Amino acid sequence: MGENEQPEGLRDLFADAIDSGRTLVRAEIAYYRASALAKVDHARLPLILLVAAVLIIQASLTALFVGLGFALAFRFGPFGGGIVAALLGLALAGILALIAKRRFAAGSAIGDKKR
């Protein structure tokens, strides 16, 4: 050792360890942030396409139920055909909602089991 070099004290060692820990945490945060942003950027176009597909499906179902209303108009009249088509659509939506509710209830009960 030279004259100007002194052994590091315990306080200096802890200060260096804390600084190294802060640097590591900042680097980890930056990595996870960059990773998340890359995933969001990668998923942007598929999400836009999925939303477009859902809107097209909705428009198609609307056209189907309007057509059903027109077809039923010969039997029940224009207003009656529209009501019957709307009731059929609501019944279908209700059945799908019940299935979804049961699936959510079954999924939430998974973690409730006692060990």
N, C-alpha and C. Protein backbone atom coordinates (compact mmCIF):
# COMPACT_ATOMS: atom_id res chain seq x y z
N MET A 1 0.83 -1.17 0.00
CA MET A 1 0.00 0.00 0.00
C MET A 1 0.87 1.24 0.00
N GLY A 2 0.41 2.29 -0.72
CA GLY A 2 1.15 3.54 -0.74
C GLY A 2 0.78 4.38 0.48
N GLU A 3 1.43 5.53 0.57
CA GLU A 3 1.18 6.40 1.71
C GLU A 3 -0.22 6.99 1.71
N ASN A 4 -0.78 7.33 0.53
CA ASN A 4 -2.08 7.98 0.46
C ASN A 4 -3.24 7.00 0.55
N GLU A 5 -2.98 5.73 0.34
CA GLU A 5 -4.05 4.74 0.39
C GLU A 5 -4.28 4.30 1.82
N GLN A 6 -5.57 4.36 2.20
CA GLN A 6 -5.94 3.89 3.53
C GLN A 6 -6.99 2.80 3.34
N PRO A 7 -7.02 1.84 4.21
CA PRO A 7 -8.04 0.80 4.07
C PRO A 7 -9.43 1.41 4.25
N GLU A 8 -10.35 0.90 3.48
CA GLU A 8 -11.71 1.41 3.57
C GLU A 8 -12.33 1.00 4.89
N GLY A 9 -13.07 1.92 5.44
CA GLY A 9 -13.75 1.62 6.69
C GLY A 9 -15.05 0.88 6.41
N LEU A 10 -15.65 0.36 7.44
CA LEU A 10 -16.90 -0.36 7.33
C LEU A 10 -18.01 0.54 6.80
N ARG A 11 -17.96 1.80 7.19
CA ARG A 11 -18.95 2.77 6.74
C ARG A 11 -18.87 2.96 5.22
N ASP A 12 -17.66 3.06 4.69
CA ASP A 12 -17.47 3.21 3.25
C ASP A 12 -17.94 1.97 2.49
N LEU A 13 -17.69 0.80 3.06
CA LEU A 13 -18.12 -0.44 2.42
C LEU A 13 -19.64 -0.51 2.33
N PHE A 14 -20.33 -0.13 3.43
CA PHE A 14 -21.79 -0.13 3.41
C PHE A 14 -22.34 0.91 2.45
N ALA A 15 -21.72 2.06 2.38
CA ALA A 15 -22.16 3.10 1.45
C ALA A 15 -22.02 2.61 0.01
N ASP A 16 -20.91 1.94 -0.30
CA ASP A 16 -20.73 1.38 -1.65
C ASP A 16 -21.76 0.30 -1.95
N ALA A 17 -22.05 -0.53 -0.96
CA ALA A 17 -23.04 -1.60 -1.15
C ALA A 17 -24.43 -1.01 -1.40
N ILE A 18 -24.78 0.04 -0.67
CA ILE A 18 -26.08 0.68 -0.86
C ILE A 18 -26.16 1.32 -2.24
N ASP A 19 -25.09 2.00 -2.65
CA ASP A 19 -25.07 2.61 -3.98
C ASP A 19 -25.18 1.55 -5.08
N SER A 20 -24.49 0.44 -4.90
CA SER A 20 -24.58 -0.64 -5.88
C SER A 20 -25.99 -1.22 -5.91
N GLY A 21 -26.61 -1.35 -4.76
CA GLY A 21 -27.98 -1.85 -4.70
C GLY A 21 -28.96 -0.91 -5.40
N ARG A 22 -28.79 0.38 -5.19
CA ARG A 22 -29.66 1.36 -5.87
C ARG A 22 -29.48 1.29 -7.37
N THR A 23 -28.24 1.17 -7.81
CA THR A 23 -27.97 1.06 -9.24
C THR A 23 -28.62 -0.19 -9.81
N LEU A 24 -28.54 -1.29 -9.10
CA LEU A 24 -29.14 -2.54 -9.56
C LEU A 24 -30.65 -2.41 -9.64
N VAL A 25 -31.28 -1.81 -8.63
CA VAL A 25 -32.74 -1.65 -8.63
C VAL A 25 -33.17 -0.76 -9.79
N ARG A 26 -32.45 0.33 -10.02
CA ARG A 26 -32.79 1.22 -11.14
C ARG A 26 -32.66 0.48 -12.48
N ALA A 27 -31.63 -0.32 -12.61
CA ALA A 27 -31.43 -1.08 -13.85
C ALA A 27 -32.55 -2.11 -14.04
N GLU A 28 -32.96 -2.77 -12.97
CA GLU A 28 -34.05 -3.75 -13.06
C GLU A 28 -35.36 -3.07 -13.45
N ILE A 29 -35.65 -1.92 -12.84
CA ILE A 29 -36.86 -1.18 -13.17
C ILE A 29 -36.84 -0.74 -14.63
N ALA A 30 -35.73 -0.25 -15.09
CA ALA A 30 -35.61 0.17 -16.49
C ALA A 30 -35.81 -1.02 -17.43
N TYR A 31 -35.27 -2.19 -17.07
CA TYR A 31 -35.43 -3.38 -17.90
C TYR A 31 -36.90 -3.80 -17.99
N TYR A 32 -37.58 -3.89 -16.83
CA TYR A 32 -38.97 -4.31 -16.83
C TYR A 32 -39.87 -3.29 -17.53
N ARG A 33 -39.55 -2.02 -17.41
CA ARG A 33 -40.32 -0.98 -18.09
C ARG A 33 -40.15 -1.12 -19.60
N ALA A 34 -38.93 -1.30 -20.05
CA ALA A 34 -38.67 -1.46 -21.48
C ALA A 34 -39.33 -2.74 -22.01
N SER A 35 -39.29 -3.79 -21.22
CA SER A 35 -39.91 -5.05 -21.63
C SER A 35 -41.43 -4.89 -21.75
N ALA A 36 -42.05 -4.22 -20.78
CA ALA A 36 -43.50 -4.01 -20.83
C ALA A 36 -43.89 -3.13 -22.02
N LEU A 37 -43.13 -2.08 -22.26
CA LEU A 37 -43.44 -1.21 -23.40
C LEU A 37 -43.28 -1.94 -24.72
N ALA A 38 -42.31 -2.83 -24.81
CA ALA A 38 -42.12 -3.60 -26.04
C ALA A 38 -43.30 -4.55 -26.26
N LYS A 39 -43.79 -5.15 -25.18
CA LYS A 39 -44.94 -6.05 -25.30
C LYS A 39 -46.19 -5.27 -25.71
N VAL A 40 -46.39 -4.10 -25.14
CA VAL A 40 -47.55 -3.28 -25.50
C VAL A 40 -47.45 -2.85 -26.96
N ASP A 41 -46.26 -2.45 -27.38
CA ASP A 41 -46.07 -2.03 -28.77
C ASP A 41 -46.32 -3.19 -29.72
N HIS A 42 -45.87 -4.37 -29.33
CA HIS A 42 -46.04 -5.57 -30.16
C HIS A 42 -47.51 -5.97 -30.26
N ALA A 43 -48.30 -5.73 -29.20
CA ALA A 43 -49.69 -6.16 -29.16
C ALA A 43 -50.66 -5.12 -29.72
N ARG A 44 -50.18 -3.96 -30.09
CA ARG A 44 -51.07 -2.88 -30.53
C ARG A 44 -51.88 -3.27 -31.77
N LEU A 45 -51.24 -3.71 -32.83
CA LEU A 45 -51.95 -4.05 -34.06
C LEU A 45 -52.91 -5.22 -33.86
N PRO A 46 -52.50 -6.32 -33.20
CA PRO A 46 -53.47 -7.40 -32.97
C PRO A 46 -54.70 -6.94 -32.17
N LEU A 47 -54.50 -6.04 -31.21
CA LEU A 47 -55.65 -5.55 -30.44
C LEU A 47 -56.57 -4.71 -31.32
N ILE A 48 -56.01 -3.89 -32.19
CA ILE A 48 -56.84 -3.10 -33.10
C ILE A 48 -57.63 -4.02 -34.03
N LEU A 49 -56.98 -5.06 -34.54
CA LEU A 49 -57.67 -6.01 -35.41
C LEU A 49 -58.76 -6.76 -34.66
N LEU A 50 -58.50 -7.10 -33.41
CA LEU A 50 -59.50 -7.79 -32.60
C LEU A 50 -60.72 -6.91 -32.35
N VAL A 51 -60.50 -5.64 -32.04
CA VAL A 51 -61.62 -4.72 -31.84
C VAL A 51 -62.42 -4.57 -33.13
N ALA A 52 -61.74 -4.47 -34.26
CA ALA A 52 -62.43 -4.37 -35.54
C ALA A 52 -63.26 -5.63 -35.80
N ALA A 53 -62.72 -6.79 -35.48
CA ALA A 53 -63.46 -8.04 -35.68
C ALA A 53 -64.71 -8.08 -34.80
N VAL A 54 -64.59 -7.63 -33.55
CA VAL A 54 -65.74 -7.61 -32.65
C VAL A 54 -66.81 -6.66 -33.17
N LEU A 55 -66.41 -5.50 -33.69
CA LEU A 55 -67.39 -4.56 -34.23
C LEU A 55 -68.08 -5.12 -35.47
N ILE A 56 -67.36 -5.85 -36.30
CA ILE A 56 -67.96 -6.46 -37.48
C ILE A 56 -68.93 -7.57 -37.07
N ILE A 57 -68.56 -8.34 -36.05
CA ILE A 57 -69.46 -9.37 -35.54
C ILE A 57 -70.74 -8.73 -35.00
N GLN A 58 -70.60 -7.64 -34.28
CA GLN A 58 -71.77 -6.96 -33.74
C GLN A 58 -72.67 -6.46 -34.86
N ALA A 59 -72.09 -5.87 -35.90
CA ALA A 59 -72.88 -5.39 -37.03
C ALA A 59 -73.57 -6.55 -37.74
N SER A 60 -72.89 -7.67 -37.86
CA SER A 60 -73.48 -8.84 -38.52
C SER A 60 -74.65 -9.40 -37.72
N LEU A 61 -74.49 -9.46 -36.41
CA LEU A 61 -75.59 -9.94 -35.57
C LEU A 61 -76.77 -8.99 -35.61
N THR A 62 -76.51 -7.69 -35.68
CA THR A 62 -77.59 -6.72 -35.80
C THR A 62 -78.35 -6.94 -37.09
N ALA A 63 -77.62 -7.13 -38.19
CA ALA A 63 -78.27 -7.38 -39.48
C ALA A 63 -79.07 -8.68 -39.43
N LEU A 64 -78.53 -9.69 -38.76
CA LEU A 64 -79.24 -10.97 -38.65
C LEU A 64 -80.57 -10.80 -37.91
N PHE A 65 -80.53 -10.08 -36.79
CA PHE A 65 -81.77 -9.90 -36.01
C PHE A 65 -82.76 -8.98 -36.72
N VAL A 66 -82.28 -8.00 -37.47
CA VAL A 66 -83.18 -7.16 -38.27
C VAL A 66 -83.84 -8.02 -39.35
N GLY A 67 -83.07 -8.85 -40.01
CA GLY A 67 -83.62 -9.77 -41.01
C GLY A 67 -84.63 -10.73 -40.40
N LEU A 68 -84.32 -11.22 -39.20
CA LEU A 68 -85.25 -12.11 -38.51
C LEU A 68 -86.54 -11.37 -38.19
N GLY A 69 -86.42 -10.11 -37.78
CA GLY A 69 -87.61 -9.30 -37.52
C GLY A 69 -88.46 -9.12 -38.75
N PHE A 70 -87.81 -8.87 -39.90
CA PHE A 70 -88.56 -8.74 -41.16
C PHE A 70 -89.23 -10.06 -41.54
N ALA A 71 -88.51 -11.17 -41.34
CA ALA A 71 -89.09 -12.47 -41.68
C ALA A 71 -90.29 -12.79 -40.79
N LEU A 72 -90.19 -12.43 -39.52
CA LEU A 72 -91.31 -12.68 -38.60
C LEU A 72 -92.44 -11.68 -38.78
N ALA A 73 -92.20 -10.61 -39.50
CA ALA A 73 -93.23 -9.59 -39.71
C ALA A 73 -94.40 -10.16 -40.52
N PHE A 74 -94.15 -11.13 -41.36
CA PHE A 74 -95.23 -11.74 -42.13
C PHE A 74 -96.20 -12.49 -41.22
N ARG A 75 -95.69 -13.00 -40.12
CA ARG A 75 -96.54 -13.78 -39.22
C ARG A 75 -97.11 -12.93 -38.08
N PHE A 76 -96.28 -12.03 -37.51
CA PHE A 76 -96.68 -11.27 -36.33
C PHE A 76 -96.90 -9.79 -36.61
N GLY A 77 -96.71 -9.35 -37.82
CA GLY A 77 -96.79 -7.93 -38.15
C GLY A 77 -95.42 -7.28 -37.94
N PRO A 78 -95.23 -6.06 -38.45
CA PRO A 78 -93.91 -5.42 -38.35
C PRO A 78 -93.46 -5.20 -36.90
N PHE A 79 -94.32 -4.70 -36.05
CA PHE A 79 -93.93 -4.45 -34.66
C PHE A 79 -93.74 -5.76 -33.91
N GLY A 80 -94.63 -6.71 -34.12
CA GLY A 80 -94.53 -8.01 -33.45
C GLY A 80 -93.28 -8.76 -33.86
N GLY A 81 -92.94 -8.72 -35.15
CA GLY A 81 -91.72 -9.38 -35.61
C GLY A 81 -90.48 -8.78 -34.98
N GLY A 82 -90.47 -7.44 -34.85
CA GLY A 82 -89.33 -6.79 -34.18
C GLY A 82 -89.23 -7.18 -32.72
N ILE A 83 -90.39 -7.25 -32.05
CA ILE A 83 -90.40 -7.64 -30.63
C ILE A 83 -89.91 -9.07 -30.46
N VAL A 84 -90.40 -9.98 -31.29
CA VAL A 84 -89.98 -11.39 -31.18
C VAL A 84 -88.48 -11.52 -31.45
N ALA A 85 -87.97 -10.83 -32.46
CA ALA A 85 -86.53 -10.89 -32.76
C ALA A 85 -85.72 -10.31 -31.61
N ALA A 86 -86.19 -9.20 -31.02
CA ALA A 86 -85.48 -8.60 -29.88
C ALA A 86 -85.50 -9.54 -28.68
N LEU A 87 -86.64 -10.20 -28.43
CA LEU A 87 -86.71 -11.14 -27.30
C LEU A 87 -85.79 -12.34 -27.52
N LEU A 88 -85.71 -12.81 -28.75
CA LEU A 88 -84.78 -13.91 -29.04
C LEU A 88 -83.32 -13.47 -28.81
N GLY A 89 -83.00 -12.26 -29.23
CA GLY A 89 -81.64 -11.74 -29.00
C GLY A 89 -81.34 -11.58 -27.52
N LEU A 90 -82.32 -11.06 -26.76
CA LEU A 90 -82.13 -10.91 -25.32
C LEU A 90 -82.01 -12.26 -24.62
N ALA A 91 -82.77 -13.25 -25.07
CA ALA A 91 -82.67 -14.59 -24.49
C ALA A 91 -81.28 -15.18 -24.74
N LEU A 92 -80.78 -15.01 -25.96
CA LEU A 92 -79.43 -15.50 -26.28
C LEU A 92 -78.38 -14.80 -25.43
N ALA A 93 -78.51 -13.48 -25.28
CA ALA A 93 -77.57 -12.73 -24.44
C ALA A 93 -77.66 -13.18 -22.99
N GLY A 94 -78.85 -13.44 -22.50
CA GLY A 94 -79.02 -13.91 -21.12
C GLY A 94 -78.37 -15.26 -20.89
N ILE A 95 -78.54 -16.16 -21.85
CA ILE A 95 -77.92 -17.49 -21.72
C ILE A 95 -76.40 -17.36 -21.69
N LEU A 96 -75.86 -16.55 -22.58
CA LEU A 96 -74.40 -16.34 -22.60
C LEU A 96 -73.92 -15.70 -21.30
N ALA A 97 -74.69 -14.77 -20.74
CA ALA A 97 -74.31 -14.13 -19.48
C ALA A 97 -74.33 -15.13 -18.33
N LEU A 98 -75.32 -16.03 -18.30
CA LEU A 98 -75.37 -17.05 -17.25
C LEU A 98 -74.17 -18.00 -17.34
N ILE A 99 -73.82 -18.39 -18.56
CA ILE A 99 -72.66 -19.26 -18.73
C ILE A 99 -71.40 -18.55 -18.25
N ALA A 100 -71.26 -17.27 -18.60
CA ALA A 100 -70.09 -16.51 -18.16
C ALA A 100 -70.07 -16.38 -16.65
N LYS A 101 -71.21 -16.14 -16.02
CA LYS A 101 -71.28 -16.01 -14.56
C LYS A 101 -70.86 -17.30 -13.89
N ARG A 102 -71.32 -18.42 -14.41
CA ARG A 102 -70.93 -19.71 -13.81
C ARG A 102 -69.43 -19.97 -13.97
N ARG A 103 -68.89 -19.59 -15.13
CA ARG A 103 -67.45 -19.78 -15.34
C ARG A 103 -66.63 -18.89 -14.40
N PHE A 104 -67.07 -17.64 -14.21
CA PHE A 104 -66.36 -16.76 -13.29
C PHE A 104 -66.45 -17.29 -11.86
N ALA A 105 -67.62 -17.77 -11.46
CA ALA A 105 -67.78 -18.31 -10.11
C ALA A 105 -66.90 -19.53 -9.91
N ALA A 106 -66.83 -20.39 -10.91
CA ALA A 106 -65.98 -21.59 -10.81
C ALA A 106 -64.51 -21.21 -10.75
N GLY A 107 -64.13 -20.19 -11.50
CA GLY A 107 -62.73 -19.76 -11.50
C GLY A 107 -62.33 -19.07 -10.22
N SER A 108 -63.25 -18.32 -9.60
CA SER A 108 -62.89 -17.63 -8.37
C SER A 108 -62.87 -18.57 -7.18
N ALA A 109 -63.52 -19.71 -7.29
CA ALA A 109 -63.54 -20.67 -6.18
C ALA A 109 -62.28 -21.51 -6.13
N ILE A 110 -61.44 -21.42 -7.14
CA ILE A 110 -60.23 -22.25 -7.19
C ILE A 110 -59.31 -21.95 -6.01
N GLY A 111 -59.10 -20.68 -5.71
CA GLY A 111 -58.19 -20.31 -4.64
C GLY A 111 -58.81 -20.39 -3.25
N ASP A 112 -60.13 -20.64 -3.17
CA ASP A 112 -60.82 -20.67 -1.89
C ASP A 112 -60.75 -22.03 -1.18
N LYS A 113 -60.24 -23.05 -1.83
CA LYS A 113 -60.20 -24.38 -1.23
C LYS A 113 -59.26 -24.38 -0.04
N LYS A 114 -59.70 -25.04 1.02
CA LYS A 114 -58.85 -25.13 2.21
C LYS A 114 -57.83 -26.25 2.01
N ARG A 115 -56.67 -26.03 2.58
CA ARG A 115 -55.60 -27.02 2.43
C ARG A 115 -55.59 -27.98 3.56
